[in-house]
Amino acid sequence: MLWIKNGRVMDPKTQLDQVMDLLIDGEKIQMMGQNVAAPKDAKIIDATGKIVAPGLVDIHVHFREPGQTQKETIHTGALSAAAGGFTTVVMMANTRPVLSSAALVRQTVQWAKKEPLHIYTVASITENFDGETLTDFEELIQAGAVGFSDDGVPLKSSKTLRNALKKAQRFGKMLSIHEEDPELVGTLGFNGSQFIASHCKIDGAPNVSEYSMIARDMMLAYETKAKLHIQHLSAKESVDLVRFIKKMGAKVTAEVTPQHFSLTEAAVLEAGSYAKVNPPLRKSEDLSHLIEGLKDGTIDVIATDHAPHTTAEKAQALLKSPSGMVGLETSLQLGLTHLVDKKHLTLMELLEKMTWNPAQLYDFDAGYLCENGPADLVIFDSEKSSEIPDRFASKGENSPFVHQKVKGEILMTISSGAIIYEKK
């Protein structure tokens, strides 16, 4: 039993923002209120001056297991999530082999259940990401898949996507898609701008490679009435398109990563391959549009796209190194630093996009605080300044944010009533 005293309790679902106590018994919050009486044997957690919020929810992570455990495992990914304040995450399907079969999904779900937080997985939309042959959605759902994504590999065929949307709509599931037309991309991981061309001598991925696919795919979602989630927006035009399709009534949602609202393409000159991501970091004007999309609700969710790689892989020449960066342990701090501290979002608005909104997309029983609700919480100091370390609970160290000064510090993560992370 846990007794959390005097914390500033913030619940995005109800907009509750009040100093109070919480009593946790088992996997549920038993009581919330002023001066809650607790049994003598309860563990007392003094949260005076700290934020008590729902455990964070990340619907876009890569835990690399099976097949790439040198980069990350479900266990080390879980440790990283807990250290970042997350109690619920959704894994992507680009493992080796790809999560295209019921047997593999079932095995992955069993591995995930061994961890003390809530770990879910999507399955692939197409067989082994071939972009043509749809997987058996019904069988994969029965095996435990909560949705479908070929993340990392855009669906070039409009026919394939349309059929997948119809199928997903029939089963009440969501498709999450990576939007980057390979026929319009020079070198992946770099912005297709004059800045990159002149400094790196690279013909990268222009904005149109993203927003042209988004325009096509959102109209297909509108026509099929299916739920479509656009992953990691990066281009200013993409924000405008999502805003437009939402006004038309399409069931489209979108996410942005902390790196895309915190960094511009110039980071590549300083951090090299550690700032190489798909879609790429873009111009300051794109970043400004992303923030405006967060402010007006066009962008529903902040997701990390946590993508660990080995130090050796990232040490390769810039063109050979893989794209991606770790993000679970820096996400909340980057939101506090670049969004809340700069008055773009309130703290409640930030939490909404990191808890309640992503939980709703998958109908998870998560992202909120109430009596008899799940005892999934994060306690953090929103004002303390800290420095991002060069070592993480994740196996990956590939972050361009190492040693940067940020706001905020995670103090404790509680999942199903158990403390799964505590700041030492």
Protein backbone atom coordinates (compact mmCIF):
# COMPACT_ATOMS: atom_id res chain seq x y z
CA MET A 1 0.00 0.00 0.00
CA LEU A 2 1.31 3.45 -0.97
CA TRP A 3 0.33 6.81 0.51
CA ILE A 4 1.35 9.73 -1.70
CA LYS A 5 1.12 12.94 0.34
CA ASN A 6 0.72 16.58 -0.64
CA GLY A 7 1.43 16.26 -4.36
CA ARG A 8 0.04 18.55 -7.04
CA VAL A 9 -2.28 16.02 -8.66
CA MET A 10 -2.95 16.71 -12.35
CA ASP A 11 -5.42 14.67 -14.39
CA PRO A 12 -5.83 15.66 -18.06
CA LYS A 13 -9.05 13.69 -18.45
CA THR A 14 -10.98 15.73 -15.87
CA GLN A 15 -8.63 18.77 -15.78
CA LEU A 16 -8.17 18.19 -12.04
CA ASP A 17 -5.27 20.30 -10.72
CA GLN A 18 -5.13 20.27 -6.93
CA VAL A 19 -2.81 19.53 -4.04
CA MET A 20 -4.05 16.32 -2.41
CA ASP A 21 -3.18 12.83 -1.18
CA LEU A 22 -3.58 9.51 -2.94
CA LEU A 23 -3.89 6.11 -1.34
CA ILE A 24 -2.95 3.15 -3.54
CA ASP A 25 -4.01 -0.34 -2.58
CA GLY A 26 -3.01 -3.13 -4.94
CA GLU A 27 -3.37 -2.14 -8.58
CA LYS A 28 -5.96 0.60 -7.98
CA ILE A 29 -6.14 4.09 -6.54
CA GLN A 30 -8.31 3.58 -3.47
CA MET A 31 -8.74 7.19 -2.35
CA MET A 32 -7.96 10.74 -3.52
CA GLY A 33 -8.50 13.89 -1.50
CA GLN A 34 -7.37 16.21 1.28
CA ASN A 35 -5.83 14.65 4.39
CA VAL A 36 -6.50 11.08 3.34
CA ALA A 37 -6.18 8.73 6.29
CA ALA A 38 -3.84 5.85 5.55
CA PRO A 39 -3.12 2.61 7.43
CA LYS A 40 0.01 2.58 9.56
CA ASP A 41 1.67 0.00 7.32
CA ALA A 42 1.39 2.14 4.16
CA LYS A 43 4.60 3.29 2.52
CA ILE A 44 4.64 7.09 2.72
CA ILE A 45 5.77 9.06 -0.33
CA ASP A 46 6.10 12.80 0.31
CA ALA A 47 5.30 14.55 -2.99
CA THR A 48 5.25 18.09 -1.58
CA GLY A 49 6.07 20.56 -4.35
CA LYS A 50 6.03 17.81 -6.98
CA ILE A 51 3.66 16.85 -9.80
CA VAL A 52 1.65 13.63 -9.52
CA ALA A 53 0.28 12.71 -12.95
CA PRO A 54 -0.95 9.65 -14.84
CA GLY A 55 1.82 7.37 -16.03
CA LEU A 56 2.97 8.52 -19.45
CA VAL A 57 1.80 6.64 -22.56
CA ASP A 58 4.01 6.23 -25.64
CA ILE A 59 2.37 4.67 -28.69
CA HIS A 60 5.54 4.51 -30.81
CA VAL A 61 8.61 2.64 -29.55
CA HIS A 62 11.10 0.17 -30.98
CA PHE A 63 12.26 -2.45 -28.49
CA ARG A 64 14.07 -4.49 -31.20
CA GLU A 65 13.17 -7.93 -29.86
CA PRO A 66 13.14 -10.41 -31.52
CA GLY A 67 16.21 -10.35 -33.70
CA GLN A 68 18.09 -7.17 -32.80
CA THR A 69 18.75 -7.57 -29.11
CA GLN A 70 22.20 -6.02 -29.44
CA LYS A 71 20.33 -2.70 -29.79
CA GLU A 72 17.56 -3.22 -27.19
CA THR A 73 15.45 -5.92 -25.58
CA ILE A 74 11.92 -5.74 -24.27
CA HIS A 75 13.44 -5.79 -20.77
CA THR A 76 15.90 -2.92 -21.32
CA GLY A 77 13.22 -1.03 -23.21
CA ALA A 78 10.94 -1.44 -20.20
CA LEU A 79 13.68 -0.12 -17.90
CA SER A 80 14.10 2.89 -20.17
CA ALA A 81 10.36 3.53 -20.27
CA ALA A 82 10.10 3.38 -16.47
CA ALA A 83 13.02 5.79 -16.07
CA GLY A 84 11.23 8.20 -18.38
CA GLY A 85 7.94 8.07 -16.47
CA PHE A 86 6.09 5.78 -18.90
CA THR A 87 3.78 3.04 -17.70
CA THR A 88 2.24 2.11 -21.07
CA VAL A 89 4.00 1.70 -24.43
CA VAL A 90 3.20 0.29 -27.87
CA MET A 91 5.98 -1.51 -29.77
CA MET A 92 6.37 -1.34 -33.53
CA ALA A 93 6.55 -4.41 -35.76
CA ASN A 94 9.90 -3.87 -37.52
CA THR A 95 11.66 -6.62 -35.63
CA ARG A 96 13.61 -9.47 -37.26
CA PRO A 97 11.58 -11.33 -38.29
CA VAL A 98 8.81 -8.78 -38.79
CA LEU A 99 5.73 -9.26 -36.58
CA SER A 100 3.57 -10.64 -39.38
CA SER A 101 2.57 -14.00 -37.91
CA ALA A 102 0.23 -14.84 -35.06
CA ALA A 103 2.83 -17.11 -33.46
CA LEU A 104 5.44 -14.37 -33.34
CA VAL A 105 2.99 -11.78 -32.04
CA ARG A 106 1.82 -14.22 -29.37
CA GLN A 107 5.41 -14.90 -28.29
CA THR A 108 6.23 -11.18 -28.19
CA VAL A 109 3.16 -10.47 -26.07
CA GLN A 110 4.23 -13.19 -23.62
CA TRP A 111 7.71 -11.67 -23.32
CA ALA A 112 6.14 -8.27 -22.71
CA LYS A 113 3.90 -9.58 -19.93
CA LYS A 114 6.99 -10.43 -17.87
CA GLU A 115 7.73 -6.72 -17.43
CA PRO A 116 6.16 -4.59 -14.66
CA LEU A 117 4.57 -2.02 -16.98
CA HIS A 118 1.97 -2.29 -19.73
CA ILE A 119 3.66 -3.19 -23.01
CA TYR A 120 1.59 -3.74 -26.14
CA THR A 121 2.53 -4.38 -29.75
CA VAL A 122 1.19 -3.73 -33.20
CA ALA A 123 1.54 -6.23 -36.02
CA SER A 124 2.58 -5.43 -39.56
CA ILE A 125 0.07 -4.28 -42.15
CA THR A 126 1.74 -6.29 -44.92
CA GLU A 127 3.60 -9.60 -44.87
CA ASN A 128 7.22 -8.89 -43.93
CA PHE A 129 6.67 -5.27 -45.02
CA ASP A 130 6.35 -6.28 -48.68
CA GLY A 131 3.88 -3.44 -49.23
CA GLU A 132 1.43 -5.65 -51.12
CA THR A 133 0.20 -8.72 -49.22
CA LEU A 134 -2.04 -7.88 -46.27
CA THR A 135 -1.53 -9.87 -43.10
CA ASP A 136 -4.33 -11.81 -41.44
CA PHE A 137 -5.71 -9.00 -39.26
CA GLU A 138 -8.21 -11.18 -37.42
CA GLU A 139 -5.67 -13.82 -36.50
CA LEU A 140 -3.13 -11.20 -35.38
CA ILE A 141 -5.70 -9.41 -33.22
CA GLN A 142 -6.57 -12.71 -31.55
CA ALA A 143 -2.84 -13.21 -30.92
CA GLY A 144 -2.68 -9.88 -29.08
CA ALA A 145 -1.92 -7.15 -31.64
CA VAL A 146 -3.56 -3.83 -30.69
CA GLY A 147 -3.18 -2.26 -34.14
CA PHE A 148 -1.20 -2.38 -37.37
CA SER A 149 1.80 -0.53 -38.79
CA ASP A 150 4.57 -1.00 -41.33
CA ASP A 151 6.46 1.80 -39.56
CA GLY A 152 9.77 2.52 -41.21
CA VAL A 153 8.50 1.41 -44.61
CA PRO A 154 5.94 3.67 -46.34
CA LEU A 155 3.07 2.00 -48.19
CA LYS A 156 3.62 3.01 -51.80
CA SER A 157 0.48 1.33 -53.11
CA SER A 158 -2.72 3.32 -52.61
CA LYS A 159 -4.69 0.17 -53.38
CA THR A 160 -2.95 -1.75 -50.62
CA LEU A 161 -3.53 1.01 -48.10
CA ARG A 162 -7.19 1.38 -49.08
CA ASN A 163 -7.76 -2.35 -48.63
CA ALA A 164 -5.91 -2.26 -45.30
CA LEU A 165 -8.03 0.66 -44.09
CA LYS A 166 -11.23 -1.18 -44.99
CA LYS A 167 -10.01 -4.25 -43.16
CA ALA A 168 -8.94 -2.28 -40.09
CA GLN A 169 -12.26 -0.45 -40.02
CA ARG A 170 -14.10 -3.75 -40.07
CA PHE A 171 -12.21 -4.91 -36.96
CA GLY A 172 -12.30 -1.54 -35.21
CA LYS A 173 -8.51 -1.14 -35.25
CA MET A 174 -6.20 1.71 -36.20
CA LEU A 175 -3.45 1.88 -38.80
CA SER A 176 -0.33 3.88 -37.94
CA ILE A 177 1.71 4.84 -40.96
CA HIS A 178 5.11 6.24 -41.86
CA GLU A 179 4.76 8.88 -44.58
CA GLU A 180 7.84 9.30 -46.77
CA ASP A 181 7.54 8.64 -50.50
CA PRO A 182 10.78 6.78 -51.41
CA GLU A 183 10.52 7.95 -55.01
CA LEU A 184 10.88 11.55 -53.85
CA VAL A 185 13.74 10.94 -51.42
CA GLY A 186 17.44 11.22 -52.16
CA THR A 187 19.18 10.20 -48.94
CA LEU A 188 17.04 9.17 -45.96
CA GLY A 189 17.63 10.88 -42.63
CA PHE A 190 18.46 14.35 -43.94
CA ASN A 191 16.28 17.29 -44.86
CA GLY A 192 16.02 18.00 -48.59
CA SER A 193 17.04 21.62 -48.23
CA GLN A 194 19.70 23.90 -49.62
CA PHE A 195 21.23 24.04 -46.15
CA ILE A 196 21.84 20.29 -46.05
CA ALA A 197 22.85 20.17 -49.71
CA SER A 198 25.52 22.83 -49.23
CA HIS A 199 26.86 21.68 -45.86
CA CYS A 200 26.60 17.89 -46.19
CA LYS A 201 26.62 17.49 -49.98
CA ILE A 202 23.51 15.32 -49.67
CA ASP A 203 20.25 15.29 -51.59
CA GLY A 204 17.90 14.49 -48.75
CA ALA A 205 14.16 14.05 -48.13
CA PRO A 206 12.17 17.16 -49.11
CA ASN A 207 8.95 18.17 -47.40
CA VAL A 208 6.93 17.03 -50.39
CA SER A 209 8.03 13.42 -49.84
CA GLU A 210 6.02 13.53 -46.60
CA TYR A 211 3.04 15.73 -47.31
CA SER A 212 2.24 14.25 -50.71
CA MET A 213 1.73 10.81 -49.13
CA ILE A 214 -0.17 12.28 -46.21
CA ALA A 215 -2.60 14.00 -48.58
CA ARG A 216 -3.27 10.77 -50.46
CA ASP A 217 -3.59 8.59 -47.39
CA MET A 218 -5.84 10.90 -45.41
CA MET A 219 -8.27 11.08 -48.31
CA LEU A 220 -8.34 7.29 -48.36
CA ALA A 221 -9.10 7.33 -44.64
CA TYR A 222 -11.87 9.85 -45.28
CA GLU A 223 -13.37 7.62 -47.99
CA THR A 224 -13.20 4.40 -45.96
CA LYS A 225 -14.18 6.02 -42.62
CA ALA A 226 -11.29 4.13 -41.01
CA LYS A 227 -9.01 5.29 -38.19
CA LEU A 228 -5.65 6.44 -39.50
CA HIS A 229 -2.78 7.70 -37.37
CA ILE A 230 -0.01 9.73 -39.00
CA GLN A 231 3.31 9.09 -37.34
CA HIS A 232 6.05 11.64 -36.60
CA LEU A 233 4.93 14.75 -38.52
CA SER A 234 7.89 16.88 -39.55
CA ALA A 235 6.85 19.21 -42.41
CA LYS A 236 4.87 22.42 -42.03
CA GLU A 237 2.56 21.48 -44.91
CA SER A 238 1.71 18.21 -43.16
CA VAL A 239 0.29 20.12 -40.21
CA ASP A 240 -1.94 22.16 -42.50
CA LEU A 241 -3.18 19.02 -44.24
CA VAL A 242 -4.06 17.25 -40.99
CA ARG A 243 -5.90 20.34 -39.82
CA PHE A 244 -7.85 20.39 -43.10
CA ILE A 245 -8.85 16.72 -43.07
CA LYS A 246 -9.99 16.91 -39.45
CA LYS A 247 -12.38 19.71 -40.39
CA MET A 248 -13.78 17.37 -43.05
CA GLY A 249 -14.56 14.85 -40.33
CA ALA A 250 -12.01 12.14 -41.15
CA LYS A 251 -10.90 9.83 -38.33
CA VAL A 252 -7.30 11.00 -38.61
CA THR A 253 -4.91 11.66 -35.72
CA ALA A 254 -1.27 12.68 -35.70
CA GLU A 255 1.81 12.63 -33.53
CA VAL A 256 5.04 14.59 -33.27
CA THR A 257 8.30 13.52 -31.62
CA PRO A 258 10.28 15.61 -29.11
CA GLN A 259 13.20 15.79 -31.52
CA HIS A 260 11.05 17.36 -34.22
CA PHE A 261 9.75 20.12 -31.94
CA SER A 262 13.16 20.66 -30.27
CA LEU A 263 15.76 20.54 -33.07
CA THR A 264 16.27 21.82 -36.60
CA GLU A 265 18.34 20.39 -39.44
CA ALA A 266 21.35 22.33 -38.13
CA ALA A 267 21.70 19.72 -35.36
CA VAL A 268 23.25 17.37 -37.94
CA LEU A 269 26.32 19.61 -38.11
CA GLU A 270 26.86 19.30 -34.35
CA ALA A 271 25.60 15.81 -33.49
CA GLY A 272 26.23 14.05 -36.80
CA SER A 273 24.56 10.64 -37.06
CA TYR A 274 22.95 11.08 -33.63
CA ALA A 275 20.69 13.70 -35.24
CA LYS A 276 19.90 11.49 -38.23
CA VAL A 277 16.25 10.40 -38.13
CA ASN A 278 13.42 9.44 -40.51
CA PRO A 279 11.66 11.71 -41.28
CA PRO A 280 14.53 14.19 -40.97
CA LEU A 281 14.87 17.22 -38.75
CA ARG A 282 13.72 20.20 -40.76
CA LYS A 283 13.81 24.01 -40.80
CA SER A 284 12.82 26.36 -37.99
CA GLU A 285 9.65 27.29 -39.88
CA ASP A 286 8.61 23.63 -39.90
CA LEU A 287 9.31 23.40 -36.18
CA SER A 288 7.14 26.48 -35.58
CA HIS A 289 4.26 24.91 -37.51
CA LEU A 290 4.55 21.71 -35.46
CA ILE A 291 4.29 23.71 -32.26
CA GLU A 292 1.25 25.56 -33.62
CA GLY A 293 -0.28 22.17 -34.43
CA LEU A 294 0.26 21.08 -30.84
CA LYS A 295 -1.25 24.31 -29.54
CA ASP A 296 -4.45 24.18 -31.58
CA GLY A 297 -5.02 20.43 -31.23
CA THR A 298 -4.20 19.47 -34.81
CA ILE A 299 -1.46 17.23 -33.41
CA ASP A 300 -2.99 14.94 -30.80
CA VAL A 301 -0.04 13.05 -29.41
CA ILE A 302 3.62 13.36 -28.48
CA ALA A 303 5.39 10.03 -29.13
CA THR A 304 9.09 9.30 -28.91
CA ASP A 305 9.81 6.94 -31.82
CA HIS A 306 12.38 5.52 -29.39
CA ALA A 307 14.90 3.86 -31.75
CA PRO A 308 18.06 2.55 -30.11
CA HIS A 309 21.14 1.60 -32.13
CA THR A 310 24.56 0.39 -31.05
CA THR A 311 27.41 2.82 -30.62
CA ALA A 312 29.31 1.05 -33.41
CA GLU A 313 26.42 1.48 -35.84
CA LYS A 314 26.13 5.18 -35.14
CA ALA A 315 29.92 5.59 -35.37
CA GLN A 316 29.87 4.68 -39.05
CA ALA A 317 30.15 7.30 -41.77
CA LEU A 318 27.15 9.63 -41.84
CA LEU A 319 25.63 8.10 -44.96
CA LYS A 320 26.00 4.53 -43.67
CA SER A 321 24.79 4.97 -40.12
CA PRO A 322 21.17 4.01 -39.37
CA SER A 323 18.52 6.61 -38.62
CA GLY A 324 16.94 6.95 -35.21
CA MET A 325 17.56 8.06 -31.64
CA VAL A 326 16.57 6.98 -28.14
CA GLY A 327 13.87 9.11 -26.57
CA LEU A 328 11.97 7.55 -23.67
CA GLU A 329 14.19 8.99 -20.96
CA THR A 330 14.27 12.54 -22.34
CA SER A 331 10.74 13.01 -23.67
CA LEU A 332 9.03 14.67 -20.70
CA GLN A 333 12.00 16.92 -20.02
CA LEU A 334 12.11 18.12 -23.64
CA GLY A 335 8.39 18.86 -23.49
CA LEU A 336 8.85 20.85 -20.28
CA THR A 337 11.83 22.71 -21.72
CA HIS A 338 10.70 23.50 -25.25
CA LEU A 339 6.93 23.66 -24.86
CA VAL A 340 5.91 24.48 -21.29
CA ASP A 341 8.82 26.69 -20.24
CA LYS A 342 8.46 28.67 -23.48
CA LYS A 343 4.71 29.11 -22.89
CA HIS A 344 3.61 27.20 -25.99
CA LEU A 345 1.64 24.68 -23.92
CA THR A 346 0.46 24.60 -20.35
CA LEU A 347 1.67 21.72 -18.21
CA MET A 348 -1.83 20.23 -18.37
CA GLU A 349 -1.83 20.42 -22.18
CA LEU A 350 1.56 18.71 -22.34
CA LEU A 351 0.38 15.92 -20.06
CA GLU A 352 -2.79 15.49 -22.11
CA LYS A 353 -0.73 14.76 -25.22
CA MET A 354 1.49 12.32 -23.33
CA THR A 355 -1.19 10.46 -21.32
CA TRP A 356 -4.93 10.70 -21.98
CA ASN A 357 -4.82 11.38 -25.75
CA PRO A 358 -2.55 8.46 -26.71
CA ALA A 359 -4.40 6.11 -24.34
CA GLN A 360 -7.69 6.96 -26.04
CA LEU A 361 -6.39 6.03 -29.49
CA TYR A 362 -6.09 2.39 -28.39
CA ASP A 363 -8.85 2.42 -25.77
CA PHE A 364 -6.31 1.65 -23.05
CA ASP A 365 -7.39 1.87 -19.43
CA ALA A 366 -4.65 4.41 -18.83
CA GLY A 367 -3.81 8.10 -18.94
CA TYR A 368 -6.05 9.30 -16.11
CA LEU A 369 -6.29 9.43 -12.30
CA CYS A 370 -9.43 8.66 -10.29
CA GLU A 371 -10.61 6.56 -7.39
CA ASN A 372 -10.86 2.89 -8.45
CA GLY A 373 -8.79 3.75 -11.53
CA PRO A 374 -5.46 2.15 -12.44
CA ALA A 375 -2.56 2.93 -10.12
CA ASP A 376 -0.25 4.01 -12.94
CA LEU A 377 1.48 7.27 -12.03
CA VAL A 378 4.55 9.39 -12.50
CA ILE A 379 5.89 11.80 -9.89
CA PHE A 380 8.23 14.49 -11.18
CA ASP A 381 9.75 17.86 -10.40
CA SER A 382 8.68 20.18 -13.20
CA GLU A 383 10.98 23.04 -12.20
CA LYS A 384 14.32 21.44 -11.38
CA SER A 385 17.06 22.02 -13.92
CA SER A 386 19.14 19.01 -14.84
CA GLU A 387 21.57 17.75 -17.44
CA ILE A 388 20.79 14.85 -19.73
CA PRO A 389 23.30 12.08 -18.94
CA ASP A 390 25.43 10.17 -21.41
CA ARG A 391 24.18 6.81 -20.14
CA PHE A 392 20.62 5.56 -20.17
CA ALA A 393 18.68 2.59 -18.85
CA SER A 394 18.21 1.78 -22.53
CA LYS A 395 20.98 -0.11 -24.29
CA GLY A 396 21.07 2.75 -26.77
CA GLU A 397 23.14 5.89 -26.20
CA ASN A 398 22.27 7.50 -29.52
CA SER A 399 20.85 10.84 -28.44
CA PRO A 400 21.82 14.32 -29.65
CA PHE A 401 20.51 15.75 -26.36
CA VAL A 402 23.29 14.33 -24.15
CA HIS A 403 24.69 16.97 -21.74
CA GLN A 404 22.02 19.51 -22.67
CA LYS A 405 20.45 21.48 -19.82
CA VAL A 406 16.73 20.77 -19.48
CA LYS A 407 13.83 21.38 -17.11
CA GLY A 408 12.34 18.60 -15.07
CA GLU A 409 13.33 15.40 -13.33
CA ILE A 410 11.50 12.08 -13.02
CA LEU A 411 11.42 11.05 -9.37
CA MET A 412 9.23 7.95 -9.35
CA THR A 413 7.20 5.77 -11.70
CA ILE A 414 4.44 3.54 -10.35
CA SER A 415 2.78 0.84 -12.46
CA SER A 416 -0.15 -1.27 -11.23
CA GLY A 417 0.56 -0.01 -7.73
CA ALA A 418 4.23 -1.04 -7.70
CA ILE A 419 7.22 1.32 -7.77
CA ILE A 420 9.12 0.43 -10.95
CA TYR A 421 11.51 3.37 -10.96
CA GLU A 422 12.81 5.64 -8.21
CA LYS A 423 15.40 8.38 -8.61
CA LYS A 424 18.47 7.55 -6.56
